[in-house]
């Protein structure tokens, strides 16, 4: 796989690979904040209605798991299915 490089029309002091290498040394919450900020800058914010709907859905699903009205799928099964779909 070819190393990632910044587009030539954007002057940068660091390559993308250098940025990734540096970010790997940062605490997880700092990396998460950076990713959130980049996504927000690139794609804009979330629609408040969609955000509220997804939040409600997540709470509903968690309640179903906690009340044993549904059964969770083991991570290993989910990963095996994802690998099969991706052909890995």
PDB file of N, CA and C in Angstrom:
ATOM      1  N   UNK A   1       0.834  -1.162   0.000  1.00  0.00           N
ATOM      2  CA  UNK A   1       0.000   0.000   0.000  1.00  0.00           C
ATOM      3  C   UNK A   1       0.887   1.236   0.000  1.00  0.00           C
ATOM      4  N   UNK A   2       0.586   2.181  -0.846  1.00  0.00           N
ATOM      5  CA  UNK A   2       1.355   3.414  -0.969  1.00  0.00           C
ATOM      6  C   UNK A   2       1.109   4.303   0.248  1.00  0.00           C
ATOM      7  N   UNK A   3       2.183   4.889   0.818  1.00  0.00           N
ATOM      8  CA  UNK A   3       1.987   5.775   1.966  1.00  0.00           C
ATOM      9  C   UNK A   3       1.112   6.960   1.597  1.00  0.00           C
ATOM     10  N   UNK A   4       0.283   7.366   2.548  1.00  0.00           N
ATOM     11  CA  UNK A   4      -0.597   8.502   2.318  1.00  0.00           C
ATOM     12  C   UNK A   4       0.220   9.780   2.272  1.00  0.00           C
ATOM     13  N   UNK A   5      -0.113  10.639   1.350  1.00  0.00           N
ATOM     14  CA  UNK A   5       0.545  11.938   1.249  1.00  0.00           C
ATOM     15  C   UNK A   5      -0.519  13.006   1.128  1.00  0.00           C
ATOM     16  N   UNK A   6      -0.207  14.173   1.632  1.00  0.00           N
ATOM     17  CA  UNK A   6      -1.142  15.279   1.521  1.00  0.00           C
ATOM     18  C   UNK A   6      -1.231  15.706   0.067  1.00  0.00           C
ATOM     19  N   UNK A   7      -2.402  16.143  -0.392  1.00  0.00           N
ATOM     20  CA  UNK A   7      -2.520  16.648  -1.752  1.00  0.00           C
ATOM     21  C   UNK A   7      -1.489  17.746  -1.988  1.00  0.00           C
ATOM     22  N   UNK A   8      -0.897  17.772  -3.188  1.00  0.00           N
ATOM     23  CA  UNK A   8       0.191  18.698  -3.468  1.00  0.00           C
ATOM     24  C   UNK A   8      -0.234  20.155  -3.440  1.00  0.00           C
ATOM     25  N   UNK A   9      -1.512  20.443  -3.584  1.00  0.00           N
ATOM     26  CA  UNK A   9      -1.956  21.824  -3.587  1.00  0.00           C
ATOM     27  C   UNK A   9      -2.186  22.382  -2.180  1.00  0.00           C
ATOM     28  N   UNK A  10      -1.913  21.571  -1.145  1.00  0.00           N
ATOM     29  CA  UNK A  10      -2.021  22.025   0.232  1.00  0.00           C
ATOM     30  C   UNK A  10      -0.628  22.005   0.855  1.00  0.00           C
ATOM     31  N   UNK A  11      -0.019  23.192   1.044  1.00  0.00           N
ATOM     32  CA  UNK A  11       1.309  23.192   1.659  1.00  0.00           C
ATOM     33  C   UNK A  11       1.210  22.798   3.137  1.00  0.00           C
ATOM     34  N   UNK A  12       1.903  21.731   3.535  1.00  0.00           N
ATOM     35  CA  UNK A  12       1.894  21.276   4.919  1.00  0.00           C
ATOM     36  C   UNK A  12       3.324  20.995   5.356  1.00  0.00           C
ATOM     37  N   UNK A  13       3.564  21.183   6.638  1.00  0.00           N
ATOM     38  CA  UNK A  13       4.885  20.924   7.179  1.00  0.00           C
ATOM     39  C   UNK A  13       5.096  19.437   7.458  1.00  0.00           C
ATOM     40  N   UNK A  14       4.007  18.696   7.676  1.00  0.00           N
ATOM     41  CA  UNK A  14       4.088  17.274   7.989  1.00  0.00           C
ATOM     42  C   UNK A  14       3.351  16.461   6.937  1.00  0.00           C
ATOM     43  N   UNK A  15       3.826  15.254   6.688  1.00  0.00           N
ATOM     44  CA  UNK A  15       3.081  14.342   5.818  1.00  0.00           C
ATOM     45  C   UNK A  15       1.933  13.740   6.633  1.00  0.00           C
ATOM     46  N   UNK A  16       0.977  13.157   5.946  1.00  0.00           N
ATOM     47  CA  UNK A  16      -0.115  12.491   6.649  1.00  0.00           C
ATOM     48  C   UNK A  16       0.411  11.359   7.516  1.00  0.00           C
ATOM     49  N   UNK A  17       1.401  10.631   7.023  1.00  0.00           N
ATOM     50  CA  UNK A  17       1.983   9.550   7.814  1.00  0.00           C
ATOM     51  C   UNK A  17       2.621  10.086   9.099  1.00  0.00           C
ATOM     52  N   UNK A  18       3.271  11.239   9.012  1.00  0.00           N
ATOM     53  CA  UNK A  18       3.869  11.839  10.201  1.00  0.00           C
ATOM     54  C   UNK A  18       2.794  12.276  11.198  1.00  0.00           C
ATOM     55  N   UNK A  19       1.703  12.806  10.679  1.00  0.00           N
ATOM     56  CA  UNK A  19       0.605  13.219  11.550  1.00  0.00           C
ATOM     57  C   UNK A  19       0.023  12.009  12.275  1.00  0.00           C
ATOM     58  N   UNK A  20      -0.188  10.917  11.537  1.00  0.00           N
ATOM     59  CA  UNK A  20      -0.724   9.692  12.148  1.00  0.00           C
ATOM     60  C   UNK A  20       0.249   9.167  13.195  1.00  0.00           C
ATOM     61  N   UNK A  21       1.531   9.140  12.864  1.00  0.00           N
ATOM     62  CA  UNK A  21       2.523   8.643  13.809  1.00  0.00           C
ATOM     63  C   UNK A  21       2.529   9.488  15.085  1.00  0.00           C
ATOM     64  N   UNK A  22       2.447  10.792  14.920  1.00  0.00           N
ATOM     65  CA  UNK A  22       2.410  11.686  16.080  1.00  0.00           C
ATOM     66  C   UNK A  22       1.139  11.455  16.893  1.00  0.00           C
ATOM     67  N   UNK A  23      -0.001  11.364  16.215  1.00  0.00           N
ATOM     68  CA  UNK A  23      -1.278  11.209  16.907  1.00  0.00           C
ATOM     69  C   UNK A  23      -1.352   9.894  17.671  1.00  0.00           C
ATOM     70  N   UNK A  24      -0.621   8.884  17.249  1.00  0.00           N
ATOM     71  CA  UNK A  24      -0.622   7.606  17.961  1.00  0.00           C
ATOM     72  C   UNK A  24      -0.027   7.735  19.358  1.00  0.00           C
ATOM     73  N   UNK A  25       0.717   8.789  19.596  1.00  0.00           N
ATOM     74  CA  UNK A  25       1.321   9.014  20.905  1.00  0.00           C
ATOM     75  C   UNK A  25       0.394   9.789  21.843  1.00  0.00           C
ATOM     76  N   UNK A  26      -0.701  10.323  21.314  1.00  0.00           N
ATOM     77  CA  UNK A  26      -1.611  11.161  22.094  1.00  0.00           C
ATOM     78  C   UNK A  26      -2.607  10.302  22.866  1.00  0.00           C
ATOM     79  N   UNK A  27      -3.152  10.853  23.947  1.00  0.00           N
ATOM     80  CA  UNK A  27      -4.227  10.147  24.665  1.00  0.00           C
ATOM     81  C   UNK A  27      -5.453   9.989  23.764  1.00  0.00           C
ATOM     82  N   UNK A  28      -6.208   8.936  23.983  1.00  0.00           N
ATOM     83  CA  UNK A  28      -7.374   8.633  23.150  1.00  0.00           C
ATOM     84  C   UNK A  28      -8.381   9.761  23.076  1.00  0.00           C
ATOM     85  N   UNK A  29      -8.604  10.453  24.197  1.00  0.00           N
ATOM     86  CA  UNK A  29      -9.600  11.523  24.179  1.00  0.00           C
ATOM     87  C   UNK A  29      -9.155  12.703  23.324  1.00  0.00           C
ATOM     88  N   UNK A  30      -7.851  12.948  23.240  1.00  0.00           N
ATOM     89  CA  UNK A  30      -7.337  14.030  22.407  1.00  0.00           C
ATOM     90  C   UNK A  30      -7.498  13.670  20.929  1.00  0.00           C
ATOM     91  N   UNK A  31      -7.202  12.409  20.588  1.00  0.00           N
ATOM     92  CA  UNK A  31      -7.369  11.946  19.203  1.00  0.00           C
ATOM     93  C   UNK A  31      -8.842  12.014  18.815  1.00  0.00           C
ATOM     94  N   UNK A  32      -9.710  11.582  19.711  1.00  0.00           N
ATOM     95  CA  UNK A  32     -11.148  11.629  19.446  1.00  0.00           C
ATOM     96  C   UNK A  32     -11.614  13.055  19.203  1.00  0.00           C
ATOM     97  N   UNK A  33     -11.121  13.984  20.017  1.00  0.00           N
ATOM     98  CA  UNK A  33     -11.481  15.392  19.838  1.00  0.00           C
ATOM     99  C   UNK A  33     -10.988  15.906  18.487  1.00  0.00           C
ATOM    100  N   UNK A  34      -9.783  15.533  18.101  1.00  0.00           N
ATOM    101  CA  UNK A  34      -9.247  15.954  16.799  1.00  0.00           C
ATOM    102  C   UNK A  34     -10.113  15.425  15.661  1.00  0.00           C
ATOM    103  N   UNK A  35     -10.463  14.156  15.718  1.00  0.00           N
ATOM    104  CA  UNK A  35     -11.297  13.554  14.668  1.00  0.00           C
ATOM    105  C   UNK A  35     -12.655  14.255  14.620  1.00  0.00           C
ATOM    106  N   UNK A  36     -13.250  14.485  15.764  1.00  0.00           N
ATOM    107  CA  UNK A  36     -14.539  15.188  15.804  1.00  0.00           C
ATOM    108  C   UNK A  36     -14.427  16.568  15.174  1.00  0.00           C
ATOM    109  N   UNK A  37     -13.370  17.290  15.517  1.00  0.00           N
ATOM    110  CA  UNK A  37     -13.192  18.639  14.975  1.00  0.00           C
ATOM    111  C   UNK A  37     -12.954  18.619  13.472  1.00  0.00           C
ATOM    112  N   UNK A  38     -12.183  17.642  12.993  1.00  0.00           N
ATOM    113  CA  UNK A  38     -11.953  17.528  11.549  1.00  0.00           C
ATOM    114  C   UNK A  38     -13.243  17.201  10.806  1.00  0.00           C
ATOM    115  N   UNK A  39     -14.023  16.270  11.345  1.00  0.00           N
ATOM    116  CA  UNK A  39     -15.290  15.905  10.709  1.00  0.00           C
ATOM    117  C   UNK A  39     -16.247  17.089  10.699  1.00  0.00           C
ATOM    118  N   UNK A  40     -16.299  17.828  11.787  1.00  0.00           N
ATOM    119  CA  UNK A  40     -17.168  18.994  11.869  1.00  0.00           C
ATOM    120  C   UNK A  40     -16.736  20.052  10.862  1.00  0.00           C
ATOM    121  N   UNK A  41     -15.431  20.295  10.772  1.00  0.00           N
ATOM    122  CA  UNK A  41     -14.922  21.295   9.833  1.00  0.00           C
ATOM    123  C   UNK A  41     -15.172  20.878   8.387  1.00  0.00           C
ATOM    124  N   UNK A  42     -15.043  19.596   8.104  1.00  0.00           N
ATOM    125  CA  UNK A  42     -15.186  19.098   6.728  1.00  0.00           C
ATOM    126  C   UNK A  42     -16.639  18.911   6.310  1.00  0.00           C
ATOM    127  N   UNK A  43     -17.461  18.404   7.233  1.00  0.00           N
ATOM    128  CA  UNK A  43     -18.817  17.987   6.868  1.00  0.00           C
ATOM    129  C   UNK A  43     -19.933  18.747   7.579  1.00  0.00           C
ATOM    130  N   UNK A  44     -19.586  19.639   8.480  1.00  0.00           N
ATOM    131  CA  UNK A  44     -20.611  20.377   9.215  1.00  0.00           C
ATOM    132  C   UNK A  44     -21.123  19.576  10.393  1.00  0.00           C
ATOM    133  N   UNK A  45     -21.989  20.201  11.147  1.00  0.00           N
ATOM    134  CA  UNK A  45     -22.519  19.572  12.357  1.00  0.00           C
ATOM    135  C   UNK A  45     -23.637  18.595  12.077  1.00  0.00           C
ATOM    136  N   UNK A  46     -24.014  17.915  13.124  1.00  0.00           N
ATOM    137  CA  UNK A  46     -25.122  16.972  13.041  1.00  0.00           C
ATOM    138  C   UNK A  46     -26.447  17.721  13.040  1.00  0.00           C
ATOM    139  N   UNK A  47     -27.391  17.189  12.348  1.00  0.00           N
ATOM    140  CA  UNK A  47     -28.748  17.711  12.408  1.00  0.00           C
ATOM    141  C   UNK A  47     -29.279  17.410  13.808  1.00  0.00           C
ATOM    142  N   UNK A  48     -29.711  18.421  14.546  1.00  0.00           N
ATOM    143  CA  UNK A  48     -30.175  18.176  15.918  1.00  0.00           C
ATOM    144  C   UNK A  48     -31.288  17.126  16.001  1.00  0.00           C
ATOM    145  N   UNK A  49     -32.183  17.086  15.017  1.00  0.00           N
ATOM    146  CA  UNK A  49     -33.242  16.089  15.023  1.00  0.00           C
ATOM    147  C   UNK A  49     -32.702  14.684  14.869  1.00  0.00           C
ATOM    148  N   UNK A  50     -31.729  14.518  13.964  1.00  0.00           N
ATOM    149  CA  UNK A  50     -31.114  13.201  13.762  1.00  0.00           C
ATOM    150  C   UNK A  50     -30.327  12.778  14.990  1.00  0.00           C
ATOM    151  N   UNK A  51     -29.597  13.716  15.572  1.00  0.00           N
ATOM    152  CA  UNK A  51     -28.809  13.406  16.754  1.00  0.00           C
ATOM    153  C   UNK A  51     -29.720  12.944  17.885  1.00  0.00           C
ATOM    154  N   UNK A  52     -30.825  13.645  18.097  1.00  0.00           N
ATOM    155  CA  UNK A  52     -31.769  13.271  19.159  1.00  0.00           C
ATOM    156  C   UNK A  52     -32.392  11.908  18.883  1.00  0.00           C
ATOM    157  N   UNK A  53     -32.716  11.649  17.620  1.00  0.00           N
ATOM    158  CA  UNK A  53     -33.326  10.365  17.256  1.00  0.00           C
ATOM    159  C   UNK A  53     -32.345   9.209  17.482  1.00  0.00           C
ATOM    160  N   UNK A  54     -31.080   9.391  17.105  1.00  0.00           N
ATOM    161  CA  UNK A  54     -30.086   8.329  17.309  1.00  0.00           C
ATOM    162  C   UNK A  54     -29.813   8.113  18.793  1.00  0.00           C
ATOM    163  N   UNK A  55     -29.794   9.206  19.551  1.00  0.00           N
ATOM    164  CA  UNK A  55     -29.586   9.096  20.991  1.00  0.00           C
ATOM    165  C   UNK A  55     -30.726   8.292  21.630  1.00  0.00           C
ATOM    166  N   UNK A  56     -31.960   8.593  21.231  1.00  0.00           N
ATOM    167  CA  UNK A  56     -33.123   7.864  21.753  1.00  0.00           C
ATOM    168  C   UNK A  56     -33.062   6.396  21.355  1.00  0.00           C
ATOM    169  N   UNK A  57     -32.653   6.120  20.108  1.00  0.00           N
ATOM    170  CA  UNK A  57     -32.532   4.737  19.633  1.00  0.00           C
ATOM    171  C   UNK A  57     -31.478   3.979  20.435  1.00  0.00           C
ATOM    172  N   UNK A  58     -30.347   4.617  20.701  1.00  0.00           N
ATOM    173  CA  UNK A  58     -29.288   3.971  21.481  1.00  0.00           C
ATOM    174  C   UNK A  58     -29.780   3.641  22.892  1.00  0.00           C
ATOM    175  N   UNK A  59     -30.497   4.567  23.506  1.00  0.00           N
ATOM    176  CA  UNK A  59     -31.041   4.319  24.849  1.00  0.00           C
ATOM    177  C   UNK A  59     -32.072   3.195  24.824  1.00  0.00           C
ATOM    178  N   UNK A  60     -32.911   3.161  23.775  1.00  0.00           N
ATOM    179  CA  UNK A  60     -33.915   2.098  23.656  1.00  0.00           C
ATOM    180  C   UNK A  60     -33.240   0.738  23.540  1.00  0.00           C
ATOM    181  N   UNK A  61     -32.198   0.665  22.690  1.00  0.00           N
ATOM    182  CA  UNK A  61     -31.500  -0.617  22.502  1.00  0.00           C
ATOM    183  C   UNK A  61     -30.786  -1.058  23.773  1.00  0.00           C
ATOM    184  N   UNK A  62     -30.183  -0.108  24.475  1.00  0.00           N
ATOM    185  CA  UNK A  62     -29.517  -0.446  25.731  1.00  0.00           C
ATOM    186  C   UNK A  62     -30.524  -0.978  26.746  1.00  0.00           C
ATOM    187  N   UNK A  63     -31.684  -0.338  26.823  1.00  0.00           N
ATOM    188  CA  UNK A  63     -32.733  -0.796  27.746  1.00  0.00           C
ATOM    189  C   UNK A  63     -33.173  -2.213  27.388  1.00  0.00           C
ATOM    190  N   UNK A  64     -33.295  -2.513  26.091  1.00  0.00           N
ATOM    191  CA  UNK A  64     -33.681  -3.870  25.669  1.00  0.00           C
ATOM    192  C   UNK A  64     -32.644  -4.892  26.114  1.00  0.00           C
ATOM    193  N   UNK A  65     -31.360  -4.552  25.994  1.00  0.00           N
ATOM    194  CA  UNK A  65     -30.310  -5.467  26.440  1.00  0.00           C
ATOM    195  C   UNK A  65     -30.352  -5.648  27.953  1.00  0.00           C
ATOM    196  N   UNK A  66     -30.506  -4.546  28.673  1.00  0.00           N
ATOM    197  CA  UNK A  66     -30.515  -4.609  30.136  1.00  0.00           C
ATOM    198  C   UNK A  66     -31.744  -5.351  30.669  1.00  0.00           C
ATOM    199  N   UNK A  67     -32.874  -5.248  29.969  1.00  0.00           N
ATOM    200  CA  UNK A  67     -34.105  -5.926  30.391  1.00  0.00           C
ATOM    201  C   UNK A  67     -34.215  -7.345  29.836  1.00  0.00           C
ATOM    202  N   UNK A  68     -33.206  -7.780  29.093  1.00  0.00           N
ATOM    203  CA  UNK A  68     -33.163  -9.121  28.486  1.00  0.00           C
ATOM    204  C   UNK A  68     -34.327  -9.365  27.527  1.00  0.00           C
ATOM    205  N   UNK A  69     -34.835  -8.302  26.907  1.00  0.00           N
ATOM    206  CA  UNK A  69     -35.872  -8.494  25.885  1.00  0.00           C
ATOM    207  C   UNK A  69     -35.251  -8.837  24.534  1.00  0.00           C
ATOM    208  N   UNK A  70     -33.954  -8.565  24.393  1.00  0.00           N
ATOM    209  CA  UNK A  70     -33.191  -8.996  23.219  1.00  0.00           C
ATOM    210  C   UNK A  70     -31.884  -9.574  23.726  1.00  0.00           C
ATOM    211  N   UNK A  71     -31.246 -10.362  22.869  1.00  0.00           N
ATOM    212  CA  UNK A  71     -29.962 -10.949  23.229  1.00  0.00           C
ATOM    213  C   UNK A  71     -28.891 -10.322  22.353  1.00  0.00           C
ATOM    214  N   UNK A  72     -27.795  -9.930  22.978  1.00  0.00           N
ATOM    215  CA  UNK A  72     -26.682  -9.355  22.231  1.00  0.00           C
ATOM    216  C   UNK A  72     -25.993 -10.395  21.369  1.00  0.00           C
ATOM    217  N   UNK A  73     -25.266  -9.931  20.374  1.00  0.00           N
ATOM    218  CA  UNK A  73     -24.481 -10.794  19.505  1.00  0.00           C
ATOM    219  C   UNK A  73     -23.030 -10.704  19.962  1.00  0.00           C
ATOM    220  N   UNK A  74     -22.386 -11.834  20.208  1.00  0.00           N
ATOM    221  CA  UNK A  74     -20.992 -11.804  20.653  1.00  0.00           C
ATOM    222  C   UNK A  74     -20.096 -11.083  19.636  1.00  0.00           C
ATOM    223  N   UNK A  75     -19.131 -10.338  20.147  1.00  0.00           N
ATOM    224  CA  UNK A  75     -18.215  -9.586  19.294  1.00  0.00           C
ATOM    225  C   UNK A  75     -17.537 -10.484  18.270  1.00  0.00           C
ATOM    226  N   UNK A  76     -17.138 -11.671  18.697  1.00  0.00           N
ATOM    227  CA  UNK A  76     -16.438 -12.584  17.783  1.00  0.00           C
ATOM    228  C   UNK A  76     -17.308 -12.930  16.575  1.00  0.00           C
ATOM    229  N   UNK A  77     -18.603 -13.136  16.805  1.00  0.00           N
ATOM    230  CA  UNK A  77     -19.529 -13.448  15.706  1.00  0.00           C
ATOM    231  C   UNK A  77     -19.656 -12.257  14.758  1.00  0.00           C
ATOM    232  N   UNK A  78     -19.761 -11.075  15.339  1.00  0.00           N
ATOM    233  CA  UNK A  78     -19.900  -9.865  14.531  1.00  0.00           C
ATOM    234  C   UNK A  78     -18.652  -9.635  13.690  1.00  0.00           C
ATOM    235  N   UNK A  79     -17.476  -9.798  14.298  1.00  0.00           N
ATOM    236  CA  UNK A  79     -16.231  -9.613  13.556  1.00  0.00           C
ATOM    237  C   UNK A  79     -16.065 -10.655  12.464  1.00  0.00           C
ATOM    238  N   UNK A  80     -16.442 -11.904  12.748  1.00  0.00           N
ATOM    239  CA  UNK A  80     -16.354 -12.957  11.733  1.00  0.00           C
ATOM    240  C   UNK A  80     -17.253 -12.632  10.547  1.00  0.00           C
ATOM    241  N   UNK A  81     -18.448 -12.135  10.816  1.00  0.00           N
ATOM    242  CA  UNK A  81     -19.368 -11.757   9.743  1.00  0.00           C
ATOM    243  C   UNK A  81     -18.797 -10.596   8.927  1.00  0.00           C
ATOM    244  N   UNK A  82     -18.243  -9.592   9.611  1.00  0.00           N
ATOM    245  CA  UNK A  82     -17.649  -8.451   8.909  1.00  0.00           C
ATOM    246  C   UNK A  82     -16.482  -8.890   8.046  1.00  0.00           C
ATOM    247  N   UNK A  83     -15.632  -9.792   8.572  1.00  0.00           N
ATOM    248  CA  UNK A  83     -14.504 -10.299   7.800  1.00  0.00           C
ATOM    249  C   UNK A  83     -14.972 -11.076   6.572  1.00  0.00           C
ATOM    250  N   UNK A  84     -16.042 -11.850   6.749  1.00  0.00           N
ATOM    251  CA  UNK A  84     -16.580 -12.620   5.613  1.00  0.00           C
ATOM    252  C   UNK A  84     -17.113 -11.682   4.529  1.00  0.00           C
ATOM    253  N   UNK A  85     -17.782 -10.610   4.947  1.00  0.00           N
ATOM    254  CA  UNK A  85     -18.323  -9.656   3.984  1.00  0.00           C
ATOM    255  C   UNK A  85     -17.187  -8.953   3.246  1.00  0.00           C
ATOM    256  N   UNK A  86     -16.115  -8.611   3.994  1.00  0.00           N
ATOM    257  CA  UNK A  86     -14.994  -7.898   3.386  1.00  0.00           C
ATOM    258  C   UNK A  86     -14.021  -8.832   2.676  1.00  0.00           C
ATOM    259  N   UNK A  87     -14.232 -10.137   2.809  1.00  0.00           N
ATOM    260  CA  UNK A  87     -13.359 -11.097   2.137  1.00  0.00           C
ATOM    261  C   UNK A  87     -11.990 -11.221   2.771  1.00  0.00           C
ATOM    262  N   UNK A  88     -11.939 -11.050   4.095  1.00  0.00           N
ATOM    263  CA  UNK A  88     -10.649 -11.161   4.798  1.00  0.00           C
ATOM    264  C   UNK A  88     -10.615 -12.384   5.661  1.00  0.00           C
TER     265      UNK A  88
END
